[in-house]
């Protein structure tokens, strides 16, 4: 193992960490601002890659696929947050959607057992009756707000993750697909006698630009001050007149946007395939746990640590690479349970 080996592995780890920063920073902000355990965050990464593939197939433009995929997934995340991850607002619509889903499931079970061959009439009747019953119950039962019910957050978001995964499988199939970047980014540059893939340099530059833009927005703007106040103390933020509801909406959409952008960028060397969402999710959580909730600087440090640990672990200790990947997280939790930049 010469010096070039260490330099290449470090470069690959940093570039992978740049990708993880895009995924982990959004998740960190969602954790810090909304206190929502979003287990569907990896799905935004996967859907971003698939939508980019469709845009490239339709237009032939890789550059266009970046904003289209990111904004499309951000809109999807915004709808999900407004309808299902808020205790106030759209209550009747949310209850209606849940009731219709439960009615459809009950009707499927009943039709399969008793009404086979009778057409759609029995199915519609059973679904309507069950849906009306559940809607009546849901509108009159007092439920603990989802913001304080971690179990509901986990069950709801993991359910969405499976729905998104199945939807992607039905639409795009189960084959491994690759996002082909422009030919100019597929070349290599020579630095000190070492060949470095230009696309990985682009990934690092993109993460730096986005990280600086986010830092400036959070530290130098009124909106950023409102976000930081919400992270520190949501009750106090409401008390001084900050619209924390709008802040939460903005942060959740931003988190989905960044994850989808990571899916487009990462699809060029990771590929896009069913199951990628659940592979990226624990890495994103490791980034958040190491860096601390709501901290962009912590997300950057956490992403760098996970990227380097993953790359060097696979290169030096392939048999225990999974252990070396999460070893930094265990050490940080033992020393500082709130993460490096997390607040007590």
Protein backbone atom coordinates (compact mmCIF):
# COMPACT_ATOMS: atom_id res chain seq x y z
CA UNK A 1 0.00 0.00 0.00
CA UNK A 2 1.72 3.15 -1.22
CA UNK A 3 0.82 6.82 -0.83
CA UNK A 4 -1.28 6.78 -3.97
CA UNK A 5 -3.52 4.07 -2.49
CA UNK A 6 -4.27 6.17 0.58
CA UNK A 7 -4.89 9.29 -1.49
CA UNK A 8 -7.31 7.50 -3.81
CA UNK A 9 -9.20 5.89 -0.95
CA UNK A 10 -9.42 9.22 0.87
CA UNK A 11 -10.68 10.93 -2.28
CA UNK A 12 -13.29 8.24 -2.86
CA UNK A 13 -14.39 8.47 0.77
CA UNK A 14 -14.73 12.25 0.60
CA UNK A 15 -16.75 12.07 -2.63
CA UNK A 16 -19.05 9.44 -1.12
CA UNK A 17 -19.38 11.62 1.95
CA UNK A 18 -20.40 14.50 -0.32
CA UNK A 19 -23.29 12.39 -1.58
CA UNK A 20 -24.26 11.37 1.96
CA UNK A 21 -24.28 15.04 2.95
CA UNK A 22 -27.06 15.73 0.46
CA UNK A 23 -29.17 12.95 1.96
CA UNK A 24 -28.21 13.43 5.60
CA UNK A 25 -28.47 17.23 5.80
CA UNK A 26 -32.13 17.21 4.82
CA UNK A 27 -32.90 14.42 7.27
CA UNK A 28 -31.01 16.27 10.01
CA UNK A 29 -33.07 19.41 9.47
CA UNK A 30 -36.33 17.42 9.46
CA UNK A 31 -35.31 15.78 12.74
CA UNK A 32 -34.20 19.04 14.30
CA UNK A 33 -37.15 21.20 13.25
CA UNK A 34 -40.12 18.82 13.12
CA UNK A 35 -38.98 16.06 15.51
CA UNK A 36 -40.28 13.59 12.92
CA UNK A 37 -38.65 10.16 12.51
CA UNK A 38 -38.97 9.97 8.74
CA UNK A 39 -38.21 6.41 7.61
CA UNK A 40 -39.34 7.21 4.07
CA UNK A 41 -36.43 9.60 3.50
CA UNK A 42 -34.48 6.97 1.56
CA UNK A 43 -37.46 6.67 -0.80
CA UNK A 44 -36.96 10.29 -1.86
CA UNK A 45 -33.43 9.35 -2.91
CA UNK A 46 -34.73 6.40 -4.94
CA UNK A 47 -37.62 8.31 -6.54
CA UNK A 48 -35.30 11.17 -7.46
CA UNK A 49 -33.13 8.77 -9.44
CA UNK A 50 -36.07 7.12 -11.18
CA UNK A 51 -37.70 10.43 -12.12
CA UNK A 52 -34.36 11.63 -13.48
CA UNK A 53 -34.16 8.51 -15.65
CA UNK A 54 -37.60 9.29 -17.08
CA UNK A 55 -36.66 12.91 -17.76
CA UNK A 56 -33.44 11.88 -19.48
CA UNK A 57 -35.31 9.30 -21.56
CA UNK A 58 -37.91 11.88 -22.62
CA UNK A 59 -35.66 14.90 -23.21
CA UNK A 60 -32.10 13.56 -23.39
CA UNK A 61 -31.01 16.25 -20.92
CA UNK A 62 -29.17 15.19 -17.78
CA UNK A 63 -28.94 18.79 -16.57
CA UNK A 64 -32.73 19.19 -16.80
CA UNK A 65 -33.29 16.00 -14.82
CA UNK A 66 -31.61 17.51 -11.73
CA UNK A 67 -34.16 20.28 -10.98
CA UNK A 68 -37.17 18.37 -12.33
CA UNK A 69 -36.55 15.31 -10.14
CA UNK A 70 -35.68 17.40 -7.08
CA UNK A 71 -38.75 19.66 -7.31
CA UNK A 72 -41.08 16.75 -8.12
CA UNK A 73 -40.00 14.81 -5.04
CA UNK A 74 -40.10 17.99 -2.95
CA UNK A 75 -43.72 18.44 -3.99
CA UNK A 76 -44.45 14.82 -3.07
CA UNK A 77 -42.82 15.30 0.33
CA UNK A 78 -44.78 18.50 0.86
CA UNK A 79 -48.09 16.74 0.21
CA UNK A 80 -47.10 13.89 2.52
CA UNK A 81 -46.14 16.31 5.30
CA UNK A 82 -49.26 18.46 4.99
CA UNK A 83 -51.71 15.58 4.90
CA UNK A 84 -50.23 12.93 7.17
CA UNK A 85 -47.44 14.31 9.36
CA UNK A 86 -49.30 17.25 10.87
CA UNK A 87 -51.90 16.91 13.61
CA UNK A 88 -53.70 20.08 12.53
CA UNK A 89 -54.99 20.93 9.09
CA UNK A 90 -56.75 18.75 6.48
CA UNK A 91 -58.16 16.54 9.26
CA UNK A 92 -61.30 15.56 7.35
CA UNK A 93 -59.42 14.86 4.13
CA UNK A 94 -56.80 12.82 5.98
CA UNK A 95 -59.48 10.83 7.79
CA UNK A 96 -61.28 10.25 4.50
CA UNK A 97 -58.13 8.90 2.82
CA UNK A 98 -57.43 6.56 5.75
CA UNK A 99 -61.05 5.39 5.86
CA UNK A 100 -61.14 4.70 2.11
CA UNK A 101 -57.92 2.71 2.36
CA UNK A 102 -59.26 0.63 5.23
CA UNK A 103 -62.54 0.14 3.38
CA UNK A 104 -60.74 -1.05 0.27
CA UNK A 105 -58.68 -3.54 2.29
CA UNK A 106 -61.79 -4.87 4.03
CA UNK A 107 -63.61 -5.18 0.72
CA UNK A 108 -60.72 -7.05 -0.85
CA UNK A 109 -60.76 -9.54 2.02
CA UNK A 110 -64.56 -9.95 1.81
CA UNK A 111 -64.71 -10.27 -1.97
CA UNK A 112 -61.96 -12.84 -2.02
CA UNK A 113 -63.76 -14.95 0.57
CA UNK A 114 -67.44 -14.61 -0.37
CA UNK A 115 -68.17 -12.59 -3.49
CA UNK A 116 -65.87 -14.09 -6.10
CA UNK A 117 -67.44 -13.80 -9.54
CA UNK A 118 -70.11 -11.27 -8.48
CA UNK A 119 -68.53 -8.26 -10.18
CA UNK A 120 -67.64 -4.88 -8.68
CA UNK A 121 -70.99 -4.31 -6.93
CA UNK A 122 -70.26 -6.20 -3.69
CA UNK A 123 -66.77 -4.74 -3.54
CA UNK A 124 -68.03 -1.16 -3.79
CA UNK A 125 -70.80 -1.75 -1.25
CA UNK A 126 -68.48 -3.31 1.33
CA UNK A 127 -65.77 -0.69 0.76
CA UNK A 128 -68.26 2.19 1.10
CA UNK A 129 -69.85 0.78 4.24
CA UNK A 130 -66.55 0.12 5.99
CA UNK A 131 -65.10 3.46 4.88
CA UNK A 132 -68.11 5.38 6.24
CA UNK A 133 -67.85 3.53 9.54
CA UNK A 134 -64.16 4.24 9.95
CA UNK A 135 -64.61 7.88 8.90
CA UNK A 136 -67.28 8.31 11.58
CA UNK A 137 -64.97 6.78 14.19
CA UNK A 138 -61.89 8.76 13.15
CA UNK A 139 -63.72 12.09 13.28
CA UNK A 140 -64.85 11.46 16.85
CA UNK A 141 -61.86 9.72 18.42
CA UNK A 142 -59.23 11.88 20.08
CA UNK A 143 -55.79 10.77 18.87
CA UNK A 144 -52.44 11.77 20.30
CA UNK A 145 -50.81 14.37 17.99
CA UNK A 146 -48.38 12.70 15.61
CA UNK A 147 -45.67 15.24 16.51
CA UNK A 148 -45.39 13.62 19.95
CA UNK A 149 -46.15 10.02 18.97
CA UNK A 150 -42.90 8.46 17.73
CA UNK A 151 -44.50 5.05 17.14
CA UNK A 152 -47.06 6.55 14.74
CA UNK A 153 -44.29 8.44 12.95
CA UNK A 154 -42.30 5.24 12.47
CA UNK A 155 -45.25 3.14 11.34
CA UNK A 156 -46.63 5.80 9.01
CA UNK A 157 -43.35 6.72 7.32
CA UNK A 158 -42.16 3.12 6.95
CA UNK A 159 -45.55 2.37 5.38
CA UNK A 160 -45.00 5.17 2.89
CA UNK A 161 -41.51 3.82 2.21
CA UNK A 162 -42.94 0.43 1.20
CA UNK A 163 -45.65 2.11 -0.90
CA UNK A 164 -43.09 4.25 -2.71
CA UNK A 165 -40.85 1.23 -3.29
CA UNK A 166 -43.70 -0.84 -4.70
CA UNK A 167 -44.85 2.06 -6.85
CA UNK A 168 -41.34 2.49 -8.26
CA UNK A 169 -41.17 -1.25 -8.95
CA UNK A 170 -44.49 -1.18 -10.80
CA UNK A 171 -43.59 1.88 -12.87
CA UNK A 172 -39.90 1.37 -13.65
CA UNK A 173 -39.43 -2.36 -13.12
CA UNK A 174 -36.86 -4.23 -11.07
CA UNK A 175 -33.77 -3.92 -13.26
CA UNK A 176 -30.65 -2.08 -12.17
CA UNK A 177 -30.47 1.19 -14.12
CA UNK A 178 -27.66 3.70 -14.44
CA UNK A 179 -27.91 7.44 -14.88
CA UNK A 180 -25.43 8.44 -17.58
CA UNK A 181 -23.92 11.90 -16.92
CA UNK A 182 -22.62 14.15 -19.73
CA UNK A 183 -19.51 12.88 -21.46
CA UNK A 184 -17.47 15.75 -20.07
CA UNK A 185 -17.98 14.43 -16.53
CA UNK A 186 -17.02 10.85 -17.38
CA UNK A 187 -13.35 11.72 -17.90
CA UNK A 188 -10.52 11.81 -15.37
CA UNK A 189 -8.10 14.50 -14.36
CA UNK A 190 -4.50 14.00 -13.27
CA UNK A 191 -3.45 15.55 -9.96
CA UNK A 192 0.09 14.83 -8.79
CA UNK A 193 0.26 11.72 -10.94
CA UNK A 194 -3.05 10.38 -9.59
CA UNK A 195 -6.05 9.94 -11.87
CA UNK A 196 -9.22 11.29 -10.27
CA UNK A 197 -12.66 10.73 -11.86
CA UNK A 198 -14.07 14.11 -12.81
CA UNK A 199 -17.57 13.08 -11.81
CA UNK A 200 -16.51 12.54 -8.20
CA UNK A 201 -14.87 15.98 -8.26
CA UNK A 202 -18.21 17.33 -9.46
CA UNK A 203 -19.98 15.59 -6.55
CA UNK A 204 -17.65 17.21 -4.03
CA UNK A 205 -18.06 20.63 -5.68
CA UNK A 206 -21.87 20.26 -5.74
CA UNK A 207 -21.95 19.35 -2.03
CA UNK A 208 -19.72 22.34 -1.22
CA UNK A 209 -21.91 24.75 -3.18
CA UNK A 210 -25.12 23.43 -1.62
CA UNK A 211 -23.58 23.35 1.86
CA UNK A 212 -22.38 26.96 1.59
CA UNK A 213 -25.76 28.07 0.21
CA UNK A 214 -27.59 26.35 3.07
CA UNK A 215 -25.23 27.82 5.65
CA UNK A 216 -25.70 31.34 4.27
CA UNK A 217 -29.46 30.86 4.22
CA UNK A 218 -29.54 29.56 7.79
CA UNK A 219 -27.08 32.06 9.27
CA UNK A 220 -27.65 35.25 7.28
CA UNK A 221 -31.38 35.40 6.53
CA UNK A 222 -34.53 36.01 8.54
CA UNK A 223 -35.89 32.62 7.49
CA UNK A 224 -32.73 30.94 8.72
CA UNK A 225 -33.03 32.67 12.08
CA UNK A 226 -36.60 31.41 12.35
CA UNK A 227 -35.45 27.87 11.53
CA UNK A 228 -32.69 28.00 14.14
CA UNK A 229 -35.12 29.31 16.74
CA UNK A 230 -37.53 26.48 15.93
CA UNK A 231 -34.72 23.93 16.31
CA UNK A 232 -33.74 25.35 19.72
CA UNK A 233 -37.22 25.69 21.24
CA UNK A 234 -40.38 25.30 19.17
CA UNK A 235 -42.66 26.54 21.95
CA UNK A 236 -40.63 29.69 22.48
CA UNK A 237 -40.49 30.25 18.70
CA UNK A 238 -44.28 30.17 18.55
CA UNK A 239 -44.42 32.53 21.52
CA UNK A 240 -42.42 35.22 19.71
CA UNK A 241 -44.61 35.01 16.62
CA UNK A 242 -42.71 32.60 14.35
CA UNK A 243 -44.98 30.57 12.09
CA UNK A 244 -43.52 27.17 12.96
CA UNK A 245 -46.11 25.45 10.78
CA UNK A 246 -44.75 27.17 7.69
CA UNK A 247 -41.18 26.51 8.83
CA UNK A 248 -41.93 22.78 9.13
CA UNK A 249 -43.48 22.73 5.66
CA UNK A 250 -40.46 24.44 4.15
CA UNK A 251 -37.92 22.21 5.92
CA UNK A 252 -39.66 18.97 4.97
CA UNK A 253 -39.83 20.01 1.31
CA UNK A 254 -36.16 21.06 1.44
CA UNK A 255 -35.17 17.70 2.93
CA UNK A 256 -37.02 15.82 0.19
CA UNK A 257 -35.45 18.13 -2.43
CA UNK A 258 -31.91 17.41 -1.22
CA UNK A 259 -32.49 13.66 -0.99
CA UNK A 260 -33.88 13.54 -4.54
CA UNK A 261 -30.95 15.62 -5.80
CA UNK A 262 -28.65 13.09 -4.16
CA UNK A 263 -30.53 10.31 -5.94
CA UNK A 264 -29.88 11.89 -9.33
CA UNK A 265 -26.22 12.56 -8.62
CA UNK A 266 -25.60 9.22 -6.89
CA UNK A 267 -27.37 7.23 -9.59
CA UNK A 268 -24.40 7.66 -11.89
CA UNK A 269 -22.12 5.38 -9.84
CA UNK A 270 -24.44 3.59 -7.42
CA UNK A 271 -27.11 2.74 -9.97
CA UNK A 272 -30.85 2.92 -9.34
CA UNK A 273 -32.61 -0.27 -8.28
CA UNK A 274 -35.31 -1.48 -5.86
CA UNK A 275 -33.91 -1.65 -2.35
CA UNK A 276 -31.51 1.26 -2.77
CA UNK A 277 -33.79 3.36 -0.56
CA UNK A 278 -33.37 1.03 2.41
CA UNK A 279 -29.62 0.86 1.80
CA UNK A 280 -29.26 4.65 1.95
CA UNK A 281 -31.59 5.16 4.91
CA UNK A 282 -29.31 3.76 7.67
CA UNK A 283 -26.38 5.73 6.24
CA UNK A 284 -28.42 8.92 6.42
CA UNK A 285 -29.37 8.14 10.02
CA UNK A 286 -25.71 7.49 10.86
CA UNK A 287 -24.85 10.94 9.48
CA UNK A 288 -27.54 12.57 11.62
CA UNK A 289 -26.59 10.65 14.77
CA UNK A 290 -22.91 11.54 14.44
CA UNK A 291 -23.46 15.20 13.60
CA UNK A 292 -26.48 15.96 15.78
CA UNK A 293 -30.03 16.92 14.92
CA UNK A 294 -30.60 20.17 13.07
CA UNK A 295 -26.93 21.01 12.50
CA UNK A 296 -25.64 21.51 8.96
CA UNK A 297 -22.04 21.52 10.19
CA UNK A 298 -22.73 18.31 12.06
CA UNK A 299 -24.26 16.77 8.94
CA UNK A 300 -21.13 17.66 6.96
CA UNK A 301 -18.80 16.16 9.58
CA UNK A 302 -21.01 13.10 9.97
CA UNK A 303 -21.20 12.54 6.21
CA UNK A 304 -17.43 12.83 5.89
CA UNK A 305 -16.89 10.39 8.76
CA UNK A 306 -19.33 7.82 7.35
CA UNK A 307 -17.96 8.18 3.81
CA UNK A 308 -14.37 7.67 4.88
CA UNK A 309 -15.22 4.83 7.27
CA UNK A 310 -17.21 3.04 4.57
CA UNK A 311 -14.55 3.39 1.90
CA UNK A 312 -11.53 2.52 4.05
CA UNK A 313 -13.45 -0.28 5.76
CA UNK A 314 -14.24 -1.95 2.43
CA UNK A 315 -10.68 -1.47 1.19
CA UNK A 316 -8.83 -2.59 4.32
CA UNK A 317 -11.25 -4.83 6.22
CA UNK A 318 -13.86 -6.13 3.75
CA UNK A 319 -14.92 -8.93 6.10
CA UNK A 320 -15.98 -6.48 8.82
CA UNK A 321 -16.71 -3.43 6.67
CA UNK A 322 -20.23 -3.13 8.05
CA UNK A 323 -18.79 -2.86 11.55
CA UNK A 324 -16.23 -0.25 10.59
CA UNK A 325 -18.98 1.76 8.90
CA UNK A 326 -20.97 2.20 12.10
CA UNK A 327 -18.03 2.24 14.52
CA UNK A 328 -17.76 6.08 14.43
CA UNK A 329 -21.46 6.34 15.29
CA UNK A 330 -21.04 4.04 18.31
CA UNK A 331 -18.04 6.02 19.56
CA UNK A 332 -19.83 9.35 19.20
CA UNK A 333 -22.92 8.06 21.00
CA UNK A 334 -20.77 6.77 23.85
CA UNK A 335 -19.02 10.13 24.26
CA UNK A 336 -21.82 12.57 23.35
CA UNK A 337 -25.30 11.03 22.94
CA UNK A 338 -26.70 14.16 21.23
CA UNK A 339 -24.08 14.01 18.48
CA UNK A 340 -21.06 16.23 17.87
CA UNK A 341 -23.07 19.41 17.33
CA UNK A 342 -26.36 18.38 18.88
CA UNK A 343 -27.91 20.39 21.69
CA UNK A 344 -28.87 18.86 25.01
